[in-house]
Each structure stands twice: as C-alpha cells, then as structure tokens.
Amino acid sequence: MGFSKNDVAGLFQASPNVMPGEDSRPLVYRRPVGWTIRVRRIDCLLTDIQAEIERLQQERTHLRLVRRELTGNDA
C-alpha cells in the first residue's frame, strides 16, 4: 500500500515522463503555500524596514547640517 498525494500534506508525485521506468513515481517534497506567503510578507516587511532606516539616516544627515548652521551662526 503506497501513499497518495492526499495522504501526506506537502508531497506530490513526480510526472512519469520525468522519472525513469513506467511505475517509478517517487514522492517529491513541495513547500506549502502558507510558507511562501509568509516569506513574501517577511520580505515586504524587511523592505519597509530598510526604507525606514534609509529615511532616518537622511533625517540624521539633515539634522547634522542644521546643527552646524546653528553653531556657525552663534560663533
């Protein structure tokens, strides 16, 4: 008795034209769709974080310039 694609989540049988022999159809692991969605969400979150870091770095640079101008005017 063998597994069918409904017996084990995340597994499917390879196409017979890919595998040698008529009856050889081993199970091949396939990543669940939920993982792919989570990875995409994490990628988007990381992209947003990187954009925020870059914005904060630009703001820091701007504030340094403003400080230099203010200290230059006081001297």
N, C-alpha and C. Protein backbone atom coordinates (compact mmCIF):
# COMPACT_ATOMS: atom_id res chain seq x y z
N MET A 1 0.85 -1.19 0.00
CA MET A 1 0.00 0.00 0.00
C MET A 1 0.89 1.24 0.00
N GLY A 2 0.70 2.17 -0.93
CA GLY A 2 1.54 3.36 -1.04
C GLY A 2 0.76 4.60 -0.67
N PHE A 3 1.49 5.70 -0.56
CA PHE A 3 0.87 6.99 -0.27
C PHE A 3 0.27 7.57 -1.54
N SER A 4 -0.81 8.30 -1.38
CA SER A 4 -1.32 9.09 -2.49
C SER A 4 -1.05 10.55 -2.14
N LYS A 5 -1.27 11.45 -3.08
CA LYS A 5 -0.97 12.85 -2.82
C LYS A 5 -1.87 13.43 -1.73
N ASN A 6 -3.00 12.79 -1.44
CA ASN A 6 -3.89 13.26 -0.39
C ASN A 6 -3.49 12.73 0.98
N ASP A 7 -2.63 11.73 1.03
CA ASP A 7 -2.26 11.12 2.31
C ASP A 7 -1.24 11.96 3.08
N VAL A 8 -0.35 12.65 2.39
CA VAL A 8 0.73 13.37 3.04
C VAL A 8 0.72 14.81 2.54
N ALA A 9 0.52 15.76 3.47
CA ALA A 9 0.50 17.17 3.08
C ALA A 9 1.87 17.61 2.62
N GLY A 10 1.91 18.42 1.57
CA GLY A 10 3.17 18.96 1.08
C GLY A 10 3.93 18.03 0.17
N LEU A 11 3.36 16.91 -0.23
CA LEU A 11 4.05 15.98 -1.11
C LEU A 11 3.22 15.78 -2.38
N PHE A 12 3.90 15.52 -3.48
CA PHE A 12 3.19 15.16 -4.70
C PHE A 12 4.02 14.17 -5.47
N GLN A 13 3.38 13.50 -6.41
CA GLN A 13 4.11 12.51 -7.20
C GLN A 13 4.64 13.17 -8.46
N ALA A 14 5.88 12.84 -8.79
CA ALA A 14 6.51 13.40 -10.00
C ALA A 14 5.85 12.82 -11.24
N SER A 15 5.88 13.57 -12.30
CA SER A 15 5.32 13.13 -13.56
C SER A 15 6.10 11.92 -14.08
N PRO A 16 5.41 10.93 -14.65
CA PRO A 16 6.11 9.73 -15.11
C PRO A 16 7.09 10.00 -16.25
N ASN A 17 6.87 11.04 -17.04
CA ASN A 17 7.80 11.31 -18.13
C ASN A 17 9.11 11.93 -17.63
N VAL A 18 9.15 12.34 -16.36
CA VAL A 18 10.37 12.88 -15.77
C VAL A 18 11.19 11.76 -15.15
N MET A 19 10.52 10.72 -14.65
CA MET A 19 11.19 9.65 -13.93
C MET A 19 11.43 8.46 -14.85
N PRO A 20 12.57 7.75 -14.68
CA PRO A 20 12.82 6.56 -15.49
C PRO A 20 11.92 5.41 -15.06
N GLY A 21 11.49 4.63 -16.00
CA GLY A 21 10.64 3.47 -15.70
C GLY A 21 9.17 3.86 -15.66
N GLU A 22 8.32 2.89 -15.96
CA GLU A 22 6.89 3.18 -16.03
C GLU A 22 6.25 3.34 -14.66
N ASP A 23 6.65 2.52 -13.69
CA ASP A 23 5.97 2.51 -12.40
C ASP A 23 6.67 3.34 -11.34
N SER A 24 7.81 3.92 -11.63
CA SER A 24 8.53 4.67 -10.60
C SER A 24 7.99 6.09 -10.53
N ARG A 25 7.32 6.40 -9.46
CA ARG A 25 6.78 7.73 -9.22
C ARG A 25 7.04 8.11 -7.76
N PRO A 26 8.28 8.45 -7.42
CA PRO A 26 8.58 8.75 -6.02
C PRO A 26 7.93 10.05 -5.57
N LEU A 27 7.72 10.17 -4.27
CA LEU A 27 7.16 11.38 -3.71
C LEU A 27 8.23 12.46 -3.67
N VAL A 28 7.86 13.67 -4.04
CA VAL A 28 8.77 14.80 -4.07
C VAL A 28 8.22 15.87 -3.13
N TYR A 29 9.09 16.46 -2.29
CA TYR A 29 8.64 17.46 -1.34
C TYR A 29 8.32 18.77 -2.06
N ARG A 30 7.22 19.37 -1.69
CA ARG A 30 6.82 20.68 -2.22
C ARG A 30 6.53 21.60 -1.04
N ARG A 31 7.03 22.83 -1.09
CA ARG A 31 6.83 23.77 0.00
C ARG A 31 5.35 24.16 0.08
N PRO A 32 4.76 24.11 1.27
CA PRO A 32 3.36 24.52 1.41
C PRO A 32 3.16 25.98 1.02
N VAL A 33 1.99 26.29 0.50
CA VAL A 33 1.68 27.64 0.03
C VAL A 33 1.77 28.64 1.18
N GLY A 34 1.36 28.23 2.37
CA GLY A 34 1.40 29.13 3.53
C GLY A 34 2.79 29.65 3.80
N TRP A 35 3.80 28.81 3.63
CA TRP A 35 5.19 29.24 3.85
C TRP A 35 5.58 30.30 2.83
N THR A 36 5.18 30.10 1.59
CA THR A 36 5.52 31.06 0.54
C THR A 36 4.91 32.42 0.85
N ILE A 37 3.67 32.42 1.31
CA ILE A 37 3.00 33.68 1.64
C ILE A 37 3.71 34.35 2.81
N ARG A 38 4.09 33.57 3.83
CA ARG A 38 4.81 34.15 4.97
C ARG A 38 6.15 34.73 4.55
N VAL A 39 6.86 34.02 3.69
CA VAL A 39 8.16 34.52 3.22
C VAL A 39 7.98 35.83 2.47
N ARG A 40 6.95 35.92 1.64
CA ARG A 40 6.69 37.17 0.90
C ARG A 40 6.38 38.31 1.86
N ARG A 41 5.58 38.01 2.90
CA ARG A 41 5.24 39.05 3.89
C ARG A 41 6.49 39.50 4.63
N ILE A 42 7.35 38.56 4.99
CA ILE A 42 8.60 38.91 5.67
C ILE A 42 9.47 39.75 4.75
N ASP A 43 9.55 39.38 3.47
CA ASP A 43 10.33 40.17 2.50
C ASP A 43 9.80 41.60 2.41
N CYS A 44 8.48 41.74 2.36
CA CYS A 44 7.88 43.08 2.29
C CYS A 44 8.17 43.86 3.57
N LEU A 45 8.07 43.20 4.71
CA LEU A 45 8.36 43.85 5.98
C LEU A 45 9.81 44.32 6.03
N LEU A 46 10.73 43.47 5.60
CA LEU A 46 12.14 43.84 5.58
C LEU A 46 12.41 45.00 4.63
N THR A 47 11.72 45.03 3.50
CA THR A 47 11.86 46.14 2.56
C THR A 47 11.37 47.44 3.19
N ASP A 48 10.24 47.37 3.90
CA ASP A 48 9.71 48.55 4.58
C ASP A 48 10.68 49.03 5.67
N ILE A 49 11.25 48.09 6.42
CA ILE A 49 12.20 48.46 7.47
C ILE A 49 13.43 49.11 6.86
N GLN A 50 13.93 48.56 5.76
CA GLN A 50 15.10 49.13 5.10
C GLN A 50 14.81 50.55 4.61
N ALA A 51 13.62 50.77 4.06
CA ALA A 51 13.25 52.11 3.60
C ALA A 51 13.18 53.08 4.78
N GLU A 52 12.65 52.62 5.91
CA GLU A 52 12.58 53.47 7.10
C GLU A 52 13.97 53.80 7.63
N ILE A 53 14.87 52.83 7.62
CA ILE A 53 16.25 53.06 8.05
C ILE A 53 16.90 54.12 7.16
N GLU A 54 16.71 54.01 5.85
CA GLU A 54 17.29 54.99 4.93
C GLU A 54 16.71 56.38 5.16
N ARG A 55 15.40 56.45 5.43
CA ARG A 55 14.77 57.74 5.71
C ARG A 55 15.34 58.36 6.98
N LEU A 56 15.52 57.54 8.01
CA LEU A 56 16.08 58.03 9.27
C LEU A 56 17.53 58.48 9.11
N GLN A 57 18.29 57.78 8.28
CA GLN A 57 19.67 58.19 8.02
C GLN A 57 19.71 59.54 7.31
N GLN A 58 18.79 59.75 6.37
CA GLN A 58 18.73 61.05 5.68
C GLN A 58 18.33 62.15 6.66
N GLU A 59 17.40 61.83 7.54
CA GLU A 59 16.97 62.81 8.55
C GLU A 59 18.13 63.16 9.49
N ARG A 60 18.91 62.16 9.88
CA ARG A 60 20.08 62.40 10.74
C ARG A 60 21.08 63.33 10.03
N THR A 61 21.32 63.07 8.75
CA THR A 61 22.23 63.91 7.98
C THR A 61 21.71 65.35 7.92
N HIS A 62 20.42 65.50 7.69
CA HIS A 62 19.82 66.83 7.63
C HIS A 62 19.96 67.54 8.98
N LEU A 63 19.71 66.83 10.07
CA LEU A 63 19.82 67.44 11.40
C LEU A 63 21.26 67.85 11.71
N ARG A 64 22.23 67.07 11.26
CA ARG A 64 23.63 67.45 11.45
C ARG A 64 23.94 68.77 10.73
N LEU A 65 23.42 68.90 9.50
CA LEU A 65 23.63 70.14 8.75
C LEU A 65 22.99 71.33 9.46
N VAL A 66 21.79 71.13 9.98
CA VAL A 66 21.10 72.20 10.70
C VAL A 66 21.89 72.59 11.94
N ARG A 67 22.40 71.61 12.68
CA ARG A 67 23.20 71.90 13.88
C ARG A 67 24.45 72.70 13.52
N ARG A 68 25.12 72.31 12.43
CA ARG A 68 26.33 73.04 12.00
C ARG A 68 26.00 74.49 11.67
N GLU A 69 24.87 74.69 10.99
CA GLU A 69 24.47 76.06 10.65
C GLU A 69 24.18 76.86 11.91
N LEU A 70 23.48 76.23 12.87
CA LEU A 70 23.14 76.94 14.10
C LEU A 70 24.37 77.27 14.93
N THR A 71 25.30 76.33 15.03
CA THR A 71 26.52 76.59 15.80
C THR A 71 27.42 77.57 15.06
N GLY A 72 27.38 77.57 13.76
CA GLY A 72 28.18 78.51 12.97
C GLY A 72 27.67 79.93 13.11
N ASN A 73 26.35 80.11 13.25
CA ASN A 73 25.76 81.44 13.40
C ASN A 73 25.99 82.01 14.79
N ASP A 74 26.11 81.14 15.79
CA ASP A 74 26.31 81.60 17.17
C ASP A 74 27.74 82.04 17.43
N ALA A 75 28.71 81.52 16.66
CA ALA A 75 30.12 81.80 16.95
C ALA A 75 30.56 83.15 16.48
